[in-house]
Amino acid sequence: MNIDEAIKKHKTMATKGNVIFSQNPDFAKRSDEEHGQIAEWLEQLKNYWELEEQDKKKEDCGKENVACGDTWGSIPKQIVDKIEKRNELNKEIGKWCKDNLDMEGMYAGGAEITDYHTGEEQGTEKRKEWCDQTILGEDWYTGEYYWETQCEGKYLHMHFDI
């Protein structure tokens, strides 16, 4: 039996004294009051446990690998380290892209590898490219650009907006 079941049982019993002890009204009343009191104490205990659990979650916030929702503390060091590593990789990827690709309207930080491409084939036999674009205005283009990689069936993809 869990605490919710115990609360329910004692609340029910707090209304059954006159049925169980029909021959003794004073005892029936006393039984109802005692079961009512026990149900109230159990509800208070349950509330206390819930508050204690919330406090424990708040204490755990900021510890490594603990999800805390809206009550989290500072960003864990392991996440900071990963973001810094990603930033360094983005710099390296960005430099390579700038040196080797026409990057107008693109941000290398959004580069990803996909297993598909869309759009019209462009480029050369040496470097195949695909562009899937939409014209939004006289000189406003947006879309997706894909480049063939040295890994079969894998494509470098970037969104562009110029």
N, C-alpha and C. Protein backbone atom coordinates (compact mmCIF):
# COMPACT_ATOMS: atom_id res chain seq x y z
N MET A 1 0.86 -1.17 0.00
CA MET A 1 0.00 0.00 0.00
C MET A 1 0.90 1.23 0.00
N ASN A 2 0.60 2.20 -0.87
CA ASN A 2 1.36 3.44 -0.89
C ASN A 2 0.60 4.51 -0.10
N ILE A 3 1.21 5.67 0.04
CA ILE A 3 0.61 6.71 0.89
C ILE A 3 -0.73 7.20 0.34
N ASP A 4 -0.86 7.28 -0.99
CA ASP A 4 -2.15 7.71 -1.57
C ASP A 4 -3.26 6.71 -1.24
N GLU A 5 -2.93 5.43 -1.32
CA GLU A 5 -3.92 4.40 -0.99
C GLU A 5 -4.30 4.47 0.49
N ALA A 6 -3.30 4.71 1.35
CA ALA A 6 -3.57 4.82 2.79
C ALA A 6 -4.46 6.03 3.09
N ILE A 7 -4.19 7.15 2.42
CA ILE A 7 -5.02 8.35 2.61
C ILE A 7 -6.46 8.04 2.21
N LYS A 8 -6.62 7.44 1.05
CA LYS A 8 -7.95 7.11 0.54
C LYS A 8 -8.67 6.15 1.51
N LYS A 9 -7.95 5.16 1.98
CA LYS A 9 -8.55 4.18 2.91
C LYS A 9 -9.04 4.87 4.18
N HIS A 10 -8.20 5.71 4.78
CA HIS A 10 -8.59 6.35 6.03
C HIS A 10 -9.68 7.41 5.83
N LYS A 11 -9.70 8.07 4.68
CA LYS A 11 -10.80 9.00 4.39
C LYS A 11 -12.12 8.24 4.28
N THR A 12 -12.05 7.09 3.63
CA THR A 12 -13.26 6.26 3.50
C THR A 12 -13.70 5.75 4.86
N MET A 13 -12.76 5.26 5.64
CA MET A 13 -13.07 4.74 6.97
C MET A 13 -13.64 5.83 7.89
N ALA A 14 -13.26 7.08 7.65
CA ALA A 14 -13.74 8.19 8.48
C ALA A 14 -15.23 8.46 8.27
N THR A 15 -15.82 7.81 7.29
CA THR A 15 -17.26 7.99 7.04
C THR A 15 -18.04 6.70 7.28
N LYS A 16 -17.38 5.66 7.74
CA LYS A 16 -18.02 4.34 7.87
C LYS A 16 -18.28 3.92 9.32
N GLY A 17 -17.91 4.76 10.28
CA GLY A 17 -18.07 4.37 11.68
C GLY A 17 -19.48 3.97 12.04
N ASN A 18 -20.49 4.71 11.53
CA ASN A 18 -21.88 4.40 11.88
C ASN A 18 -22.34 3.09 11.26
N VAL A 19 -21.66 2.64 10.19
CA VAL A 19 -22.01 1.35 9.57
C VAL A 19 -21.33 0.22 10.33
N ILE A 20 -20.04 0.41 10.59
CA ILE A 20 -19.26 -0.65 11.25
C ILE A 20 -19.67 -0.81 12.71
N PHE A 21 -19.89 0.31 13.38
CA PHE A 21 -20.24 0.28 14.80
C PHE A 21 -21.66 0.81 15.01
N SER A 22 -22.59 0.26 14.29
CA SER A 22 -23.98 0.75 14.36
C SER A 22 -24.59 0.58 15.74
N GLN A 23 -24.11 -0.34 16.53
CA GLN A 23 -24.65 -0.58 17.87
C GLN A 23 -24.06 0.36 18.91
N ASN A 24 -22.98 1.09 18.54
CA ASN A 24 -22.32 1.95 19.51
C ASN A 24 -21.99 3.30 18.85
N PRO A 25 -22.93 4.26 18.88
CA PRO A 25 -22.74 5.56 18.20
C PRO A 25 -21.53 6.34 18.71
N ASP A 26 -21.23 6.25 20.00
CA ASP A 26 -20.07 6.98 20.52
C ASP A 26 -18.77 6.42 19.93
N PHE A 27 -18.68 5.09 19.87
CA PHE A 27 -17.49 4.46 19.30
C PHE A 27 -17.40 4.75 17.80
N ALA A 28 -18.55 4.78 17.12
CA ALA A 28 -18.59 5.08 15.69
C ALA A 28 -18.04 6.49 15.43
N LYS A 29 -18.46 7.44 16.26
CA LYS A 29 -18.01 8.82 16.10
C LYS A 29 -16.51 8.92 16.36
N ARG A 30 -16.06 8.24 17.39
CA ARG A 30 -14.63 8.25 17.72
C ARG A 30 -13.81 7.62 16.59
N SER A 31 -14.30 6.52 16.02
CA SER A 31 -13.61 5.87 14.90
C SER A 31 -13.51 6.82 13.70
N ASP A 32 -14.61 7.50 13.38
CA ASP A 32 -14.61 8.45 12.26
C ASP A 32 -13.58 9.56 12.51
N GLU A 33 -13.54 10.09 13.71
CA GLU A 33 -12.60 11.17 14.03
C GLU A 33 -11.15 10.70 13.94
N GLU A 34 -10.88 9.49 14.46
CA GLU A 34 -9.51 8.97 14.42
C GLU A 34 -9.05 8.71 12.98
N HIS A 35 -9.90 8.10 12.18
CA HIS A 35 -9.52 7.84 10.79
C HIS A 35 -9.38 9.15 10.02
N GLY A 36 -10.23 10.12 10.31
CA GLY A 36 -10.11 11.44 9.69
C GLY A 36 -8.79 12.10 10.05
N GLN A 37 -8.41 11.98 11.34
CA GLN A 37 -7.15 12.56 11.80
C GLN A 37 -5.96 11.86 11.13
N ILE A 38 -6.01 10.54 11.03
CA ILE A 38 -4.93 9.79 10.38
C ILE A 38 -4.81 10.21 8.91
N ALA A 39 -5.94 10.35 8.22
CA ALA A 39 -5.93 10.77 6.81
C ALA A 39 -5.28 12.16 6.69
N GLU A 40 -5.62 13.07 7.61
CA GLU A 40 -5.06 14.42 7.58
C GLU A 40 -3.54 14.38 7.80
N TRP A 41 -3.10 13.57 8.79
CA TRP A 41 -1.66 13.45 9.06
C TRP A 41 -0.92 12.86 7.85
N LEU A 42 -1.53 11.86 7.20
CA LEU A 42 -0.91 11.25 6.03
C LEU A 42 -0.78 12.27 4.89
N GLU A 43 -1.81 13.11 4.71
CA GLU A 43 -1.72 14.15 3.68
C GLU A 43 -0.61 15.15 4.00
N GLN A 44 -0.49 15.51 5.29
CA GLN A 44 0.59 16.41 5.69
C GLN A 44 1.95 15.76 5.45
N LEU A 45 2.07 14.49 5.77
CA LEU A 45 3.32 13.76 5.55
C LEU A 45 3.65 13.71 4.06
N LYS A 46 2.65 13.45 3.23
CA LYS A 46 2.86 13.41 1.78
C LYS A 46 3.34 14.78 1.29
N ASN A 47 2.72 15.86 1.75
CA ASN A 47 3.15 17.21 1.37
C ASN A 47 4.58 17.48 1.81
N TYR A 48 4.92 17.03 3.01
CA TYR A 48 6.27 17.20 3.53
C TYR A 48 7.26 16.47 2.63
N TRP A 49 6.94 15.23 2.27
CA TRP A 49 7.82 14.44 1.39
C TRP A 49 8.01 15.14 0.04
N GLU A 50 6.93 15.70 -0.50
CA GLU A 50 7.01 16.39 -1.79
C GLU A 50 7.90 17.63 -1.69
N LEU A 51 7.77 18.39 -0.61
CA LEU A 51 8.62 19.56 -0.40
C LEU A 51 10.07 19.14 -0.23
N GLU A 52 10.29 18.06 0.51
CA GLU A 52 11.63 17.55 0.71
C GLU A 52 12.26 17.13 -0.63
N GLU A 53 11.47 16.50 -1.48
CA GLU A 53 11.94 16.08 -2.81
C GLU A 53 12.29 17.31 -3.66
N GLN A 54 11.47 18.36 -3.58
CA GLN A 54 11.76 19.59 -4.33
C GLN A 54 13.07 20.22 -3.83
N ASP A 55 13.26 20.22 -2.52
CA ASP A 55 14.50 20.77 -1.96
C ASP A 55 15.70 19.95 -2.42
N LYS A 56 15.55 18.64 -2.46
CA LYS A 56 16.64 17.77 -2.90
C LYS A 56 16.99 18.06 -4.36
N LYS A 57 15.96 18.27 -5.20
CA LYS A 57 16.21 18.58 -6.62
C LYS A 57 16.96 19.91 -6.74
N LYS A 58 16.59 20.89 -5.91
CA LYS A 58 17.27 22.19 -5.95
C LYS A 58 18.73 22.04 -5.54
N GLU A 59 19.00 21.18 -4.54
CA GLU A 59 20.37 20.95 -4.09
C GLU A 59 21.18 20.26 -5.19
N ASP A 60 20.52 19.35 -5.94
CA ASP A 60 21.20 18.60 -6.99
C ASP A 60 21.50 19.46 -8.21
N CYS A 61 20.78 20.56 -8.38
CA CYS A 61 20.98 21.41 -9.55
C CYS A 61 22.41 21.91 -9.58
N GLY A 62 22.98 21.91 -10.76
CA GLY A 62 24.36 22.35 -10.91
C GLY A 62 25.34 21.21 -10.80
N LYS A 63 24.89 20.07 -10.25
CA LYS A 63 25.77 18.90 -10.20
C LYS A 63 25.82 18.29 -11.58
N GLU A 64 26.91 17.63 -11.88
CA GLU A 64 27.10 17.02 -13.19
C GLU A 64 25.99 16.03 -13.51
N ASN A 65 25.48 16.09 -14.74
CA ASN A 65 24.48 15.16 -15.27
C ASN A 65 23.15 15.18 -14.53
N VAL A 66 22.77 16.30 -13.92
CA VAL A 66 21.48 16.39 -13.24
C VAL A 66 20.62 17.40 -13.97
N ALA A 67 19.46 16.93 -14.47
CA ALA A 67 18.51 17.83 -15.15
C ALA A 67 17.65 18.50 -14.10
N CYS A 68 17.49 19.82 -14.21
CA CYS A 68 16.78 20.54 -13.16
C CYS A 68 15.67 21.44 -13.65
N GLY A 69 15.38 21.46 -14.92
CA GLY A 69 14.29 22.29 -15.41
C GLY A 69 14.49 23.75 -15.09
N ASP A 70 13.46 24.40 -14.58
CA ASP A 70 13.52 25.83 -14.30
C ASP A 70 14.35 26.16 -13.07
N THR A 71 14.76 25.15 -12.30
CA THR A 71 15.45 25.42 -11.04
C THR A 71 16.94 25.13 -11.13
N TRP A 72 17.48 25.00 -12.36
CA TRP A 72 18.89 24.64 -12.50
C TRP A 72 19.79 25.75 -12.01
N GLY A 73 20.96 25.35 -11.64
CA GLY A 73 21.97 26.31 -11.20
C GLY A 73 22.81 26.73 -12.39
N SER A 74 24.09 26.95 -12.15
CA SER A 74 24.98 27.39 -13.22
C SER A 74 25.20 26.26 -14.23
N ILE A 75 25.65 26.63 -15.42
CA ILE A 75 25.89 25.66 -16.49
C ILE A 75 27.05 24.75 -16.07
N PRO A 76 26.87 23.42 -16.17
CA PRO A 76 27.93 22.49 -15.76
C PRO A 76 29.19 22.64 -16.60
N LYS A 77 30.33 22.40 -15.99
CA LYS A 77 31.63 22.53 -16.66
C LYS A 77 31.70 21.66 -17.90
N GLN A 78 31.17 20.45 -17.85
CA GLN A 78 31.27 19.57 -19.02
C GLN A 78 30.54 20.16 -20.22
N ILE A 79 29.45 20.89 -20.00
CA ILE A 79 28.73 21.53 -21.11
C ILE A 79 29.55 22.72 -21.63
N VAL A 80 30.13 23.50 -20.72
CA VAL A 80 30.97 24.62 -21.14
C VAL A 80 32.13 24.10 -21.99
N ASP A 81 32.78 23.02 -21.55
CA ASP A 81 33.90 22.43 -22.29
C ASP A 81 33.46 21.98 -23.69
N LYS A 82 32.31 21.35 -23.78
CA LYS A 82 31.82 20.88 -25.08
C LYS A 82 31.51 22.05 -26.01
N ILE A 83 30.90 23.10 -25.47
CA ILE A 83 30.59 24.28 -26.30
C ILE A 83 31.88 24.94 -26.77
N GLU A 84 32.86 25.06 -25.89
CA GLU A 84 34.15 25.63 -26.30
C GLU A 84 34.81 24.78 -27.38
N LYS A 85 34.74 23.47 -27.25
CA LYS A 85 35.31 22.57 -28.27
C LYS A 85 34.55 22.76 -29.59
N ARG A 86 33.22 22.84 -29.52
CA ARG A 86 32.42 23.06 -30.73
C ARG A 86 32.79 24.40 -31.38
N ASN A 87 32.99 25.45 -30.57
CA ASN A 87 33.37 26.75 -31.11
C ASN A 87 34.70 26.67 -31.86
N GLU A 88 35.66 25.94 -31.30
CA GLU A 88 36.95 25.77 -31.98
C GLU A 88 36.78 25.00 -33.28
N LEU A 89 35.97 23.94 -33.27
CA LEU A 89 35.71 23.19 -34.49
C LEU A 89 35.00 24.06 -35.52
N ASN A 90 34.04 24.89 -35.07
CA ASN A 90 33.34 25.79 -36.00
C ASN A 90 34.30 26.76 -36.67
N LYS A 91 35.31 27.24 -35.93
CA LYS A 91 36.31 28.13 -36.52
C LYS A 91 37.09 27.39 -37.61
N GLU A 92 37.50 26.18 -37.30
CA GLU A 92 38.26 25.39 -38.27
C GLU A 92 37.42 25.07 -39.51
N ILE A 93 36.19 24.65 -39.29
CA ILE A 93 35.27 24.35 -40.41
C ILE A 93 35.01 25.62 -41.22
N GLY A 94 34.77 26.74 -40.53
CA GLY A 94 34.50 28.01 -41.20
C GLY A 94 35.66 28.46 -42.07
N LYS A 95 36.88 28.30 -41.57
CA LYS A 95 38.05 28.68 -42.35
C LYS A 95 38.15 27.80 -43.59
N TRP A 96 37.98 26.50 -43.43
CA TRP A 96 38.06 25.61 -44.59
C TRP A 96 36.99 25.98 -45.62
N CYS A 97 35.76 26.20 -45.15
CA CYS A 97 34.67 26.55 -46.06
C CYS A 97 34.96 27.86 -46.80
N LYS A 98 35.45 28.86 -46.07
CA LYS A 98 35.75 30.16 -46.68
C LYS A 98 36.83 30.03 -47.74
N ASP A 99 37.84 29.19 -47.46
CA ASP A 99 38.96 29.01 -48.38
C ASP A 99 38.58 28.15 -49.59
N ASN A 100 37.54 27.31 -49.48
CA ASN A 100 37.26 26.32 -50.51
C ASN A 100 35.89 26.40 -51.16
N LEU A 101 34.97 27.16 -50.59
CA LEU A 101 33.61 27.22 -51.12
C LEU A 101 33.16 28.66 -51.28
N ASP A 102 32.18 28.87 -52.15
CA ASP A 102 31.54 30.18 -52.26
C ASP A 102 30.53 30.25 -51.12
N MET A 103 30.82 31.04 -50.10
CA MET A 103 30.04 31.06 -48.86
C MET A 103 29.06 32.23 -48.77
N GLU A 104 28.79 32.92 -49.84
CA GLU A 104 27.92 34.08 -49.78
C GLU A 104 26.55 33.69 -49.21
N GLY A 105 26.16 34.36 -48.13
CA GLY A 105 24.87 34.12 -47.51
C GLY A 105 24.81 32.90 -46.61
N MET A 106 25.95 32.27 -46.37
CA MET A 106 25.97 31.05 -45.56
C MET A 106 26.78 31.24 -44.29
N TYR A 107 26.45 30.46 -43.29
CA TYR A 107 27.14 30.46 -42.01
C TYR A 107 27.66 29.05 -41.77
N ALA A 108 28.97 28.90 -41.72
CA ALA A 108 29.57 27.58 -41.58
C ALA A 108 29.21 26.91 -40.26
N GLY A 109 28.83 27.71 -39.24
CA GLY A 109 28.42 27.12 -37.97
C GLY A 109 27.16 26.28 -38.10
N GLY A 110 26.42 26.49 -39.19
CA GLY A 110 25.21 25.70 -39.44
C GLY A 110 25.45 24.54 -40.38
N ALA A 111 26.72 24.29 -40.73
CA ALA A 111 27.04 23.19 -41.64
C ALA A 111 26.69 21.86 -41.00
N GLU A 112 26.18 20.96 -41.82
CA GLU A 112 25.88 19.61 -41.33
C GLU A 112 26.13 18.62 -42.45
N ILE A 113 26.27 17.37 -42.09
CA ILE A 113 26.43 16.29 -43.06
C ILE A 113 25.10 15.56 -43.15
N THR A 114 24.62 15.37 -44.39
CA THR A 114 23.37 14.66 -44.61
C THR A 114 23.63 13.45 -45.50
N ASP A 115 22.64 12.58 -45.60
CA ASP A 115 22.77 11.42 -46.50
C ASP A 115 21.87 11.61 -47.72
N TYR A 116 21.52 12.85 -48.03
CA TYR A 116 20.69 13.16 -49.19
C TYR A 116 21.05 14.57 -49.70
N HIS A 117 20.60 14.88 -50.88
CA HIS A 117 20.69 16.24 -51.41
C HIS A 117 19.42 16.52 -52.18
N THR A 118 19.10 17.79 -52.33
CA THR A 118 17.94 18.22 -53.12
C THR A 118 18.40 19.33 -54.04
N GLY A 119 17.57 19.70 -54.98
CA GLY A 119 17.87 20.82 -55.85
C GLY A 119 18.50 20.42 -57.16
N GLU A 120 18.83 21.44 -57.92
CA GLU A 120 19.43 21.24 -59.25
C GLU A 120 20.93 21.03 -59.12
N GLU A 121 21.45 20.07 -59.91
CA GLU A 121 22.88 19.81 -59.89
C GLU A 121 23.62 20.98 -60.52
N GLN A 122 24.72 21.36 -59.88
CA GLN A 122 25.58 22.44 -60.36
C GLN A 122 27.02 21.99 -60.20
N GLY A 123 27.92 22.90 -60.28
CA GLY A 123 29.32 22.58 -60.05
C GLY A 123 29.96 21.89 -61.23
N THR A 124 31.02 21.15 -60.95
CA THR A 124 31.79 20.48 -62.00
C THR A 124 31.86 18.99 -61.71
N GLU A 125 32.48 18.26 -62.62
CA GLU A 125 32.66 16.83 -62.39
C GLU A 125 33.56 16.59 -61.17
N LYS A 126 34.51 17.51 -60.97
CA LYS A 126 35.44 17.41 -59.84
C LYS A 126 34.73 17.68 -58.51
N ARG A 127 33.82 18.65 -58.51
CA ARG A 127 33.08 18.98 -57.29
C ARG A 127 31.61 19.16 -57.63
N LYS A 128 30.82 18.15 -57.30
CA LYS A 128 29.39 18.22 -57.57
C LYS A 128 28.71 19.01 -56.47
N GLU A 129 27.75 19.84 -56.90
CA GLU A 129 27.00 20.69 -55.98
C GLU A 129 25.54 20.66 -56.38
N TRP A 130 24.67 20.91 -55.41
CA TRP A 130 23.24 21.00 -55.68
C TRP A 130 22.70 22.22 -54.95
N CYS A 131 21.79 22.93 -55.60
CA CYS A 131 21.20 24.12 -55.01
C CYS A 131 19.68 24.02 -55.12
N ASP A 132 19.03 24.14 -53.99
CA ASP A 132 17.56 24.13 -53.92
C ASP A 132 17.15 25.49 -53.36
N GLN A 133 16.79 26.42 -54.25
CA GLN A 133 16.55 27.79 -53.80
C GLN A 133 15.15 28.28 -54.14
N THR A 134 14.76 29.30 -53.40
CA THR A 134 13.50 29.99 -53.62
C THR A 134 13.81 31.47 -53.76
N ILE A 135 13.16 32.13 -54.70
CA ILE A 135 13.33 33.57 -54.88
C ILE A 135 12.23 34.26 -54.07
N LEU A 136 12.64 35.08 -53.11
CA LEU A 136 11.68 35.78 -52.26
C LEU A 136 11.45 37.22 -52.68
N GLY A 137 12.33 37.73 -53.51
CA GLY A 137 12.23 39.10 -53.98
C GLY A 137 13.15 39.30 -55.16
N GLU A 138 13.24 40.52 -55.65
CA GLU A 138 14.05 40.79 -56.84
C GLU A 138 15.49 40.29 -56.68
N ASP A 139 16.11 40.57 -55.55
CA ASP A 139 17.48 40.11 -55.29
C ASP A 139 17.57 39.36 -53.96
N TRP A 140 16.57 38.57 -53.66
CA TRP A 140 16.53 37.86 -52.37
C TRP A 140 16.30 36.38 -52.63
N TYR A 141 17.30 35.58 -52.30
CA TYR A 141 17.26 34.14 -52.50
C TYR A 141 17.48 33.45 -51.16
N THR A 142 16.78 32.36 -50.98
CA THR A 142 16.97 31.54 -49.79
C THR A 142 16.90 30.08 -50.21
N GLY A 143 17.57 29.22 -49.47
CA GLY A 143 17.50 27.81 -49.83
C GLY A 143 18.57 26.97 -49.17
N GLU A 144 18.81 25.84 -49.82
CA GLU A 144 19.74 24.83 -49.29
C GLU A 144 20.80 24.55 -50.35
N TYR A 145 22.03 24.39 -49.88
CA TYR A 145 23.14 24.08 -50.77
C TYR A 145 23.79 22.80 -50.28
N TYR A 146 24.14 21.93 -51.21
CA TYR A 146 24.76 20.64 -50.88
C TYR A 146 26.01 20.45 -51.71
N TRP A 147 27.04 19.87 -51.11
CA TRP A 147 28.26 19.52 -51.81
C TRP A 147 28.55 18.05 -51.57
N GLU A 148 29.03 17.39 -52.62
CA GLU A 148 29.44 15.99 -52.50
C GLU A 148 30.68 15.93 -51.62
N THR A 149 30.78 14.90 -50.79
CA THR A 149 31.97 14.72 -49.95
C THR A 149 32.74 13.49 -50.44
N GLN A 150 33.87 13.24 -49.83
CA GLN A 150 34.67 12.05 -50.16
C GLN A 150 34.06 10.79 -49.56
N CYS A 151 33.03 10.94 -48.76
CA CYS A 151 32.34 9.80 -48.15
C CYS A 151 31.10 9.51 -48.99
N GLU A 152 31.05 8.34 -49.58
CA GLU A 152 29.96 7.99 -50.49
C GLU A 152 28.60 8.14 -49.80
N GLY A 153 27.68 8.85 -50.48
CA GLY A 153 26.33 9.03 -49.96
C GLY A 153 26.22 10.07 -48.86
N LYS A 154 27.28 10.84 -48.64
CA LYS A 154 27.27 11.90 -47.61
C LYS A 154 27.51 13.24 -48.28
N TYR A 155 26.75 14.26 -47.82
CA TYR A 155 26.81 15.57 -48.44
C TYR A 155 26.94 16.65 -47.37
N LEU A 156 27.77 17.65 -47.66
CA LEU A 156 27.86 18.82 -46.80
C LEU A 156 26.67 19.70 -47.15
N HIS A 157 25.91 20.10 -46.13
CA HIS A 157 24.70 20.90 -46.35
C HIS A 157 24.80 22.19 -45.55
N MET A 158 24.40 23.29 -46.22
CA MET A 158 24.27 24.58 -45.53
C MET A 158 23.07 25.31 -46.07
N HIS A 159 22.41 26.04 -45.19
CA HIS A 159 21.30 26.91 -45.59
C HIS A 159 21.91 28.23 -46.01
N PHE A 160 21.29 28.88 -46.99
CA PHE A 160 21.77 30.22 -47.38
C PHE A 160 20.59 31.17 -47.49
N ASP A 161 20.91 32.44 -47.34
CA ASP A 161 19.93 33.51 -47.44
C ASP A 161 20.66 34.75 -47.93
N ILE A 162 20.47 35.10 -49.22
CA ILE A 162 21.15 36.28 -49.78
C ILE A 162 20.15 37.16 -50.50
